[in-house]
Amino acid sequence: MLKYVICIIRNLACNNDKNRLLIADAGAIKLLLELMPFVSVKLRQKLAGALQNLATNRANRHQISIHGGVAVLVSLIQTDDLKLQ
C-alpha cells in the first residue's frame, strides 16, 4: 500500500505546482523524509522521485532542507547500493 501512496504523491507532484504546494502543506515532505531509512531500496527510489518532483518548487526546496532532506539525500548517494546512486 505504501508503494502506491508514494507513487501517487510522485505523480501528483509532476508538472503541477499547485499540487506540489498542496502536498507540502499537508506535511508530506517531512513524512517522506522520515520514511526513507525504514523502507526497502525500491521504495527509497520512489521516495527520491517524489521528492525530486516536489523540489521543483522553491518553497518545497526550503521545506526539504529544514526537515533534514539534504542529509537524507546525501546518504542515498553514499551507499554501496548502485540502485540508489
Protein backbone atom coordinates (compact mmCIF):
# COMPACT_ATOMS: atom_id res chain seq x y z
CA MET A 1 0.00 0.00 0.00
CA LEU A 2 2.79 2.43 0.90
CA LYS A 3 4.32 1.98 -2.56
CA TYR A 4 1.10 3.13 -4.18
CA VAL A 5 0.74 6.17 -1.93
CA ILE A 6 4.32 7.25 -2.68
CA CYS A 7 3.74 6.78 -6.42
CA ILE A 8 0.52 8.79 -6.27
CA ILE A 9 2.30 11.64 -4.50
CA ARG A 10 5.11 11.48 -7.05
CA ASN A 11 2.65 11.58 -9.94
CA LEU A 12 0.52 14.36 -8.45
CA ALA A 13 3.63 16.49 -7.97
CA CYS A 14 4.79 16.02 -11.55
CA ASN A 15 4.33 19.18 -13.63
CA ASN A 16 1.72 20.64 -11.29
CA ASP A 17 2.89 23.41 -8.96
CA LYS A 18 -0.48 23.73 -7.26
CA ASN A 19 -0.40 20.05 -6.31
CA ARG A 20 3.20 20.39 -5.14
CA LEU A 21 2.17 23.09 -2.70
CA LEU A 22 -0.90 21.17 -1.52
CA ILE A 23 1.20 18.08 -0.89
CA ALA A 24 3.77 20.10 1.06
CA ASP A 25 1.08 21.90 3.06
CA ALA A 26 -0.32 18.51 4.05
CA GLY A 27 3.02 17.66 5.69
CA ALA A 28 4.11 15.08 3.14
CA ILE A 29 7.69 16.31 2.72
CA LYS A 30 8.61 15.68 6.34
CA LEU A 31 6.85 12.33 6.29
CA LEU A 32 8.55 11.20 3.07
CA LEU A 33 11.95 12.10 4.52
CA GLU A 34 11.22 10.31 7.78
CA LEU A 35 10.24 7.13 5.92
CA MET A 36 13.48 6.93 3.95
CA PRO A 37 15.63 4.96 6.44
CA PHE A 38 12.91 2.41 7.13
CA VAL A 39 11.85 1.25 3.69
CA SER A 40 13.28 -1.02 1.02
CA VAL A 41 15.67 0.12 -1.70
CA LYS A 42 12.82 0.06 -4.20
CA LEU A 43 10.70 2.37 -2.04
CA ARG A 44 13.66 4.67 -1.43
CA GLN A 45 13.92 5.12 -5.19
CA LYS A 46 10.23 6.04 -5.34
CA LEU A 47 10.58 8.39 -2.36
CA ALA A 48 13.51 10.12 -4.04
CA GLY A 49 11.41 10.51 -7.20
CA ALA A 50 8.56 12.06 -5.22
CA LEU A 51 10.98 14.45 -3.52
CA GLN A 52 12.52 15.30 -6.88
CA ASN A 53 9.13 16.34 -8.23
CA LEU A 54 8.29 18.28 -5.08
CA ALA A 55 11.68 20.05 -5.16
CA THR A 56 10.90 21.80 -8.42
CA ASN A 57 9.04 24.31 -6.26
CA ARG A 58 11.24 26.83 -4.42
CA ALA A 59 9.21 26.76 -1.18
CA ASN A 60 9.34 22.97 -1.18
CA ARG A 61 13.11 23.02 -1.58
CA HIS A 62 13.21 25.06 1.62
CA GLN A 63 10.93 22.53 3.35
CA ILE A 64 13.14 19.66 2.23
CA SER A 65 16.16 21.48 3.60
CA ILE A 66 14.69 22.38 7.00
CA HIS A 67 13.43 18.83 7.53
CA GLY A 68 16.89 17.34 7.06
CA GLY A 69 16.44 16.36 3.45
CA VAL A 70 19.93 17.25 2.34
CA ALA A 71 21.47 14.74 4.77
CA VAL A 72 18.91 12.10 3.84
CA LEU A 73 19.57 12.51 0.12
CA VAL A 74 23.34 12.60 0.56
CA SER A 75 23.11 9.32 2.48
CA LEU A 76 21.49 7.77 -0.59
CA ILE A 77 24.44 8.60 -2.80
CA GLN A 78 26.95 7.45 -0.18
CA THR A 79 25.52 3.94 -0.14
CA ASP A 80 27.16 0.97 -1.83
CA ASP A 81 23.85 0.04 -3.43
CA LEU A 82 24.15 1.01 -7.08
CA LYS A 83 20.36 1.24 -7.43
CA LEU A 84 20.37 4.22 -5.08
CA GLN A 85 23.32 6.05 -6.61
